[in-house]
Amino acid sequence: MRLFTDHPKSVGETYLQHLAMAASFALRLLTGSICCLLHALFPFLFAGTASRIISELNDRMVTNRVRGQ
C-alpha cells in the first residue's frame, strides 16, 4: 500500500488527490502535444499554445507544492 501513498504524502496530497492532479496534468500535456504536432504541420496554427500550457502547468505545480508544505 505504501507504494501508492508515500509519494502523494510527500507532496501533501492523498492518493485520490494526487491521481486527479496527475491526470489533469496528463490531459493538459496531451493537449499541448497535439497542438505542437498540428503546429508542426500548419505553422500558422497554435503558435505559442504549447509554451503557454507548459508555463501554466509549471505555475500550478509550484503553487501546489508551496501550498502543500
PDB file of N, CA and C in Angstrom:
ATOM      1  N   MET A   1       0.824  -1.200   0.000  1.00  0.00           N
ATOM      2  CA  MET A   1       0.000   0.000   0.000  1.00  0.00           C
ATOM      3  C   MET A   1       0.868   1.265   0.000  1.00  0.00           C
ATOM      4  N   ARG A   2       2.025   1.191   0.642  1.00  0.00           N
ATOM      5  CA  ARG A   2       2.900   2.364   0.714  1.00  0.00           C
ATOM      6  C   ARG A   2       3.353   2.826  -0.667  1.00  0.00           C
ATOM      7  N   LEU A   3       3.422   1.904  -1.620  1.00  0.00           N
ATOM      8  CA  LEU A   3       3.792   2.293  -2.984  1.00  0.00           C
ATOM      9  C   LEU A   3       2.819   3.320  -3.544  1.00  0.00           C
ATOM     10  N   PHE A   4       1.571   3.258  -3.092  1.00  0.00           N
ATOM     11  CA  PHE A   4       0.533   4.157  -3.587  1.00  0.00           C
ATOM     12  C   PHE A   4       0.384   5.423  -2.752  1.00  0.00           C
ATOM     13  N   THR A   5       0.964   5.433  -1.564  1.00  0.00           N
ATOM     14  CA  THR A   5       0.718   6.572  -0.671  1.00  0.00           C
ATOM     15  C   THR A   5       1.955   7.397  -0.319  1.00  0.00           C
ATOM     16  N   ASP A   6       3.141   6.838  -0.415  1.00  0.00           N
ATOM     17  CA  ASP A   6       4.338   7.568   0.010  1.00  0.00           C
ATOM     18  C   ASP A   6       4.578   8.840  -0.799  1.00  0.00           C
ATOM     19  N   HIS A   7       4.585   8.728  -2.101  1.00  0.00           N
ATOM     20  CA  HIS A   7       4.840   9.919  -2.919  1.00  0.00           C
ATOM     21  C   HIS A   7       3.726  10.963  -2.777  1.00  0.00           C
ATOM     22  N   PRO A   8       2.453  10.582  -2.895  1.00  0.00           N
ATOM     23  CA  PRO A   8       1.406  11.594  -2.693  1.00  0.00           C
ATOM     24  C   PRO A   8       1.533  12.303  -1.339  1.00  0.00           C
ATOM     25  N   LYS A   9       1.839  11.546  -0.291  1.00  0.00           N
ATOM     26  CA  LYS A   9       2.008  12.155   1.033  1.00  0.00           C
ATOM     27  C   LYS A   9       3.170  13.140   1.030  1.00  0.00           C
ATOM     28  N   SER A  10       4.241  12.820   0.301  1.00  0.00           N
ATOM     29  CA  SER A  10       5.418  13.700   0.278  1.00  0.00           C
ATOM     30  C   SER A  10       5.130  15.046  -0.383  1.00  0.00           C
ATOM     31  N   VAL A  11       4.075  15.119  -1.205  1.00  0.00           N
ATOM     32  CA  VAL A  11       3.700  16.390  -1.840  1.00  0.00           C
ATOM     33  C   VAL A  11       2.412  16.948  -1.240  1.00  0.00           C
ATOM     34  N   GLY A  12       2.008  16.409  -0.074  1.00  0.00           N
ATOM     35  CA  GLY A  12       0.865  16.946   0.657  1.00  0.00           C
ATOM     36  C   GLY A  12      -0.488  16.601   0.074  1.00  0.00           C
ATOM     37  N   GLU A  13      -0.586  15.424  -0.560  1.00  0.00           N
ATOM     38  CA  GLU A  13      -1.851  15.009  -1.171  1.00  0.00           C
ATOM     39  C   GLU A  13      -2.197  13.596  -0.738  1.00  0.00           C
ATOM     40  N   THR A  14      -3.487  13.282  -0.817  1.00  0.00           N
ATOM     41  CA  THR A  14      -3.912  11.893  -0.658  1.00  0.00           C
ATOM     42  C   THR A  14      -3.705  11.198  -2.008  1.00  0.00           C
ATOM     43  N   TYR A  15      -3.887   9.892  -2.007  1.00  0.00           N
ATOM     44  CA  TYR A  15      -3.755   9.152  -3.256  1.00  0.00           C
ATOM     45  C   TYR A  15      -4.727   9.676  -4.308  1.00  0.00           C
ATOM     46  N   LEU A  16      -5.993   9.869  -3.916  1.00  0.00           N
ATOM     47  CA  LEU A  16      -7.005  10.319  -4.878  1.00  0.00           C
ATOM     48  C   LEU A  16      -6.751  11.750  -5.348  1.00  0.00           C
ATOM     49  N   GLN A  17      -6.297  12.623  -4.463  1.00  0.00           N
ATOM     50  CA  GLN A  17      -5.953  13.982  -4.877  1.00  0.00           C
ATOM     51  C   GLN A  17      -4.797  13.954  -5.880  1.00  0.00           C
ATOM     52  N   HIS A  18      -3.807  13.118  -5.589  1.00  0.00           N
ATOM     53  CA  HIS A  18      -2.660  13.002  -6.494  1.00  0.00           C
ATOM     54  C   HIS A  18      -3.082  12.418  -7.835  1.00  0.00           C
ATOM     55  N   LEU A  19      -3.945  11.435  -7.817  1.00  0.00           N
ATOM     56  CA  LEU A  19      -4.466  10.840  -9.047  1.00  0.00           C
ATOM     57  C   LEU A  19      -5.147  11.902  -9.903  1.00  0.00           C
ATOM     58  N   ALA A  20      -6.004  12.693  -9.278  1.00  0.00           N
ATOM     59  CA  ALA A  20      -6.723  13.735 -10.019  1.00  0.00           C
ATOM     60  C   ALA A  20      -5.759  14.786 -10.573  1.00  0.00           C
ATOM     61  N   MET A  21      -4.796  15.201  -9.765  1.00  0.00           N
ATOM     62  CA  MET A  21      -3.850  16.222 -10.206  1.00  0.00           C
ATOM     63  C   MET A  21      -2.978  15.693 -11.349  1.00  0.00           C
ATOM     64  N   ALA A  22      -2.452  14.498 -11.187  1.00  0.00           N
ATOM     65  CA  ALA A  22      -1.589  13.919 -12.226  1.00  0.00           C
ATOM     66  C   ALA A  22      -2.371  13.692 -13.523  1.00  0.00           C
ATOM     67  N   ALA A  23      -3.604  13.243 -13.409  1.00  0.00           N
ATOM     68  CA  ALA A  23      -4.431  13.026 -14.599  1.00  0.00           C
ATOM     69  C   ALA A  23      -4.726  14.349 -15.304  1.00  0.00           C
ATOM     70  N   SER A  24      -4.979  15.404 -14.526  1.00  0.00           N
ATOM     71  CA  SER A  24      -5.244  16.707 -15.156  1.00  0.00           C
ATOM     72  C   SER A  24      -4.003  17.226 -15.859  1.00  0.00           C
ATOM     73  N   PHE A  25      -2.826  16.997 -15.276  1.00  0.00           N
ATOM     74  CA  PHE A  25      -1.573  17.382 -15.933  1.00  0.00           C
ATOM     75  C   PHE A  25      -1.391  16.579 -17.223  1.00  0.00           C
ATOM     76  N   ALA A  26      -1.672  15.292 -17.167  1.00  0.00           N
ATOM     77  CA  ALA A  26      -1.512  14.437 -18.346  1.00  0.00           C
ATOM     78  C   ALA A  26      -2.409  14.898 -19.489  1.00  0.00           C
ATOM     79  N   LEU A  27      -3.637  15.255 -19.171  1.00  0.00           N
ATOM     80  CA  LEU A  27      -4.559  15.716 -20.220  1.00  0.00           C
ATOM     81  C   LEU A  27      -4.104  17.045 -20.814  1.00  0.00           C
ATOM     82  N   ARG A  28      -3.609  17.956 -19.975  1.00  0.00           N
ATOM     83  CA  ARG A  28      -3.113  19.238 -20.494  1.00  0.00           C
ATOM     84  C   ARG A  28      -1.859  19.011 -21.345  1.00  0.00           C
ATOM     85  N   LEU A  29      -0.972  18.102 -20.918  1.00  0.00           N
ATOM     86  CA  LEU A  29       0.219  17.796 -21.711  1.00  0.00           C
ATOM     87  C   LEU A  29      -0.160  17.154 -23.042  1.00  0.00           C
ATOM     88  N   LEU A  30      -1.161  16.292 -23.031  1.00  0.00           N
ATOM     89  CA  LEU A  30      -1.635  15.682 -24.272  1.00  0.00           C
ATOM     90  C   LEU A  30      -2.178  16.754 -25.210  1.00  0.00           C
ATOM     91  N   THR A  31      -2.938  17.690 -24.661  1.00  0.00           N
ATOM     92  CA  THR A  31      -3.445  18.808 -25.463  1.00  0.00           C
ATOM     93  C   THR A  31      -2.286  19.595 -26.064  1.00  0.00           C
ATOM     94  N   GLY A  32      -1.281  19.887 -25.240  1.00  0.00           N
ATOM     95  CA  GLY A  32      -0.102  20.607 -25.725  1.00  0.00           C
ATOM     96  C   GLY A  32       0.633  19.843 -26.814  1.00  0.00           C
ATOM     97  N   SER A  33       0.726  18.532 -26.647  1.00  0.00           N
ATOM     98  CA  SER A  33       1.401  17.697 -27.649  1.00  0.00           C
ATOM     99  C   SER A  33       0.666  17.723 -28.982  1.00  0.00           C
ATOM    100  N   ILE A  34      -0.642  17.620 -28.923  1.00  0.00           N
ATOM    101  CA  ILE A  34      -1.444  17.657 -30.153  1.00  0.00           C
ATOM    102  C   ILE A  34      -1.302  19.019 -30.828  1.00  0.00           C
ATOM    103  N   CYS A  35      -1.323  20.080 -30.028  1.00  0.00           N
ATOM    104  CA  CYS A  35      -1.132  21.432 -30.589  1.00  0.00           C
ATOM    105  C   CYS A  35       0.246  21.563 -31.243  1.00  0.00           C
ATOM    106  N   CYS A  36       1.270  21.005 -30.611  1.00  0.00           N
ATOM    107  CA  CYS A  36       2.625  21.040 -31.196  1.00  0.00           C
ATOM    108  C   CYS A  36       2.662  20.309 -32.531  1.00  0.00           C
ATOM    109  N   LEU A  37       2.057  19.142 -32.575  1.00  0.00           N
ATOM    110  CA  LEU A  37       2.041  18.369 -33.813  1.00  0.00           C
ATOM    111  C   LEU A  37       1.306  19.126 -34.913  1.00  0.00           C
ATOM    112  N   LEU A  38       0.156  19.679 -34.585  1.00  0.00           N
ATOM    113  CA  LEU A  38      -0.589  20.450 -35.581  1.00  0.00           C
ATOM    114  C   LEU A  38       0.183  21.696 -36.005  1.00  0.00           C
ATOM    115  N   HIS A  39       0.857  22.324 -35.054  1.00  0.00           N
ATOM    116  CA  HIS A  39       1.680  23.500 -35.377  1.00  0.00           C
ATOM    117  C   HIS A  39       2.843  23.117 -36.302  1.00  0.00           C
ATOM    118  N   ALA A  40       3.407  21.935 -36.090  1.00  0.00           N
ATOM    119  CA  ALA A  40       4.498  21.482 -36.957  1.00  0.00           C
ATOM    120  C   ALA A  40       4.016  21.338 -38.400  1.00  0.00           C
ATOM    121  N   LEU A  41       2.801  20.835 -38.564  1.00  0.00           N
ATOM    122  CA  LEU A  41       2.244  20.645 -39.898  1.00  0.00           C
ATOM    123  C   LEU A  41       1.717  21.945 -40.501  1.00  0.00           C
ATOM    124  N   PHE A  42       1.118  22.768 -39.650  1.00  0.00           N
ATOM    125  CA  PHE A  42       0.493  24.024 -40.074  1.00  0.00           C
ATOM    126  C   PHE A  42       1.007  25.148 -39.178  1.00  0.00           C
ATOM    127  N   PRO A  43       2.147  25.751 -39.521  1.00  0.00           N
ATOM    128  CA  PRO A  43       2.816  26.717 -38.638  1.00  0.00           C
ATOM    129  C   PRO A  43       1.953  27.900 -38.205  1.00  0.00           C
ATOM    130  N   PHE A  44       0.886  28.165 -38.913  1.00  0.00           N
ATOM    131  CA  PHE A  44       0.007  29.282 -38.569  1.00  0.00           C
ATOM    132  C   PHE A  44      -0.977  28.923 -37.454  1.00  0.00           C
ATOM    133  N   LEU A  45      -1.038  27.638 -37.082  1.00  0.00           N
ATOM    134  CA  LEU A  45      -1.942  27.207 -36.008  1.00  0.00           C
ATOM    135  C   LEU A  45      -1.189  27.057 -34.688  1.00  0.00           C
ATOM    136  N   PHE A  46      -1.811  27.447 -33.617  1.00  0.00           N
ATOM    137  CA  PHE A  46      -1.358  27.179 -32.252  1.00  0.00           C
ATOM    138  C   PHE A  46       0.040  27.703 -31.934  1.00  0.00           C
ATOM    139  N   ALA A  47       0.431  28.804 -32.545  1.00  0.00           N
ATOM    140  CA  ALA A  47       1.738  29.401 -32.225  1.00  0.00           C
ATOM    141  C   ALA A  47       1.719  29.832 -30.760  1.00  0.00           C
ATOM    142  N   GLY A  48       2.587  29.274 -29.974  1.00  0.00           N
ATOM    143  CA  GLY A  48       2.704  29.635 -28.566  1.00  0.00           C
ATOM    144  C   GLY A  48       1.802  28.862 -27.615  1.00  0.00           C
ATOM    145  N   THR A  49       0.917  28.037 -28.139  1.00  0.00           N
ATOM    146  CA  THR A  49      -0.030  27.323 -27.273  1.00  0.00           C
ATOM    147  C   THR A  49       0.682  26.347 -26.342  1.00  0.00           C
ATOM    148  N   ALA A  50       1.577  25.534 -26.865  1.00  0.00           N
ATOM    149  CA  ALA A  50       2.268  24.550 -26.029  1.00  0.00           C
ATOM    150  C   ALA A  50       3.132  25.248 -24.982  1.00  0.00           C
ATOM    151  N   SER A  51       3.792  26.324 -25.365  1.00  0.00           N
ATOM    152  CA  SER A  51       4.605  27.078 -24.398  1.00  0.00           C
ATOM    153  C   SER A  51       3.734  27.611 -23.271  1.00  0.00           C
ATOM    154  N   ARG A  52       2.568  28.122 -23.609  1.00  0.00           N
ATOM    155  CA  ARG A  52       1.651  28.655 -22.601  1.00  0.00           C
ATOM    156  C   ARG A  52       1.164  27.543 -21.668  1.00  0.00           C
ATOM    157  N   ILE A  53       0.842  26.386 -22.230  1.00  0.00           N
ATOM    158  CA  ILE A  53       0.379  25.259 -21.416  1.00  0.00           C
ATOM    159  C   ILE A  53       1.474  24.822 -20.446  1.00  0.00           C
ATOM    160  N   ILE A  54       2.703  24.707 -20.933  1.00  0.00           N
ATOM    161  CA  ILE A  54       3.821  24.300 -20.070  1.00  0.00           C
ATOM    162  C   ILE A  54       4.023  25.309 -18.953  1.00  0.00           C
ATOM    163  N   SER A  55       3.956  26.586 -19.282  1.00  0.00           N
ATOM    164  CA  SER A  55       4.113  27.627 -18.271  1.00  0.00           C
ATOM    165  C   SER A  55       3.003  27.556 -17.227  1.00  0.00           C
ATOM    166  N   GLU A  56       1.763  27.365 -17.670  1.00  0.00           N
ATOM    167  CA  GLU A  56       0.627  27.242 -16.745  1.00  0.00           C
ATOM    168  C   GLU A  56       0.789  26.032 -15.832  1.00  0.00           C
ATOM    169  N   LEU A  57       1.223  24.913 -16.398  1.00  0.00           N
ATOM    170  CA  LEU A  57       1.407  23.711 -15.586  1.00  0.00           C
ATOM    171  C   LEU A  57       2.528  23.900 -14.574  1.00  0.00           C
ATOM    172  N   ASN A  58       3.598  24.550 -14.972  1.00  0.00           N
ATOM    173  CA  ASN A  58       4.682  24.833 -14.042  1.00  0.00           C
ATOM    174  C   ASN A  58       4.182  25.709 -12.898  1.00  0.00           C
ATOM    175  N   ASP A  59       3.419  26.742 -13.217  1.00  0.00           N
ATOM    176  CA  ASP A  59       2.861  27.604 -12.176  1.00  0.00           C
ATOM    177  C   ASP A  59       1.969  26.815 -11.231  1.00  0.00           C
ATOM    178  N   ARG A  60       1.118  25.938 -11.772  1.00  0.00           N
ATOM    179  CA  ARG A  60       0.246  25.114 -10.924  1.00  0.00           C
ATOM    180  C   ARG A  60       1.058  24.198 -10.025  1.00  0.00           C
ATOM    181  N   MET A  61       2.087  23.583 -10.574  1.00  0.00           N
ATOM    182  CA  MET A  61       2.879  22.647  -9.792  1.00  0.00           C
ATOM    183  C   MET A  61       3.607  23.367  -8.664  1.00  0.00           C
ATOM    184  N   VAL A  62       4.215  24.499  -8.965  1.00  0.00           N
ATOM    185  CA  VAL A  62       4.943  25.256  -7.947  1.00  0.00           C
ATOM    186  C   VAL A  62       3.981  25.780  -6.894  1.00  0.00           C
ATOM    187  N   THR A  63       2.835  26.314  -7.307  1.00  0.00           N
ATOM    188  CA  THR A  63       1.843  26.828  -6.361  1.00  0.00           C
ATOM    189  C   THR A  63       1.346  25.722  -5.448  1.00  0.00           C
ATOM    190  N   ASN A  64       1.034  24.577  -6.021  1.00  0.00           N
ATOM    191  CA  ASN A  64       0.543  23.456  -5.215  1.00  0.00           C
ATOM    192  C   ASN A  64       1.616  22.921  -4.289  1.00  0.00           C
ATOM    193  N   ARG A  65       2.846  22.897  -4.738  1.00  0.00           N
ATOM    194  CA  ARG A  65       3.946  22.400  -3.907  1.00  0.00           C
ATOM    195  C   ARG A  65       4.115  23.312  -2.687  1.00  0.00           C
ATOM    196  N   VAL A  66       4.064  24.611  -2.913  1.00  0.00           N
ATOM    197  CA  VAL A  66       4.214  25.564  -1.806  1.00  0.00           C
ATOM    198  C   VAL A  66       3.045  25.445  -0.856  1.00  0.00           C
ATOM    199  N   ARG A  67       1.825  25.347  -1.387  1.00  0.00           N
ATOM    200  CA  ARG A  67       0.629  25.225  -0.561  1.00  0.00           C
ATOM    201  C   ARG A  67       0.669  23.960   0.267  1.00  0.00           C
ATOM    202  N   GLY A  68       1.194  22.860  -0.291  1.00  0.00           N
ATOM    203  CA  GLY A  68       1.212  21.586   0.408  1.00  0.00           C
ATOM    204  C   GLY A  68       2.240  21.497   1.513  1.00  0.00           C
ATOM    205  N   GLN A  69       3.201  22.409   1.564  1.00  0.00           N
ATOM    206  CA  GLN A  69       4.249  22.339   2.580  1.00  0.00           C
ATOM    207  C   GLN A  69       3.810  22.919   3.893  1.00  0.00           C
TER     208      GLN A  69
END
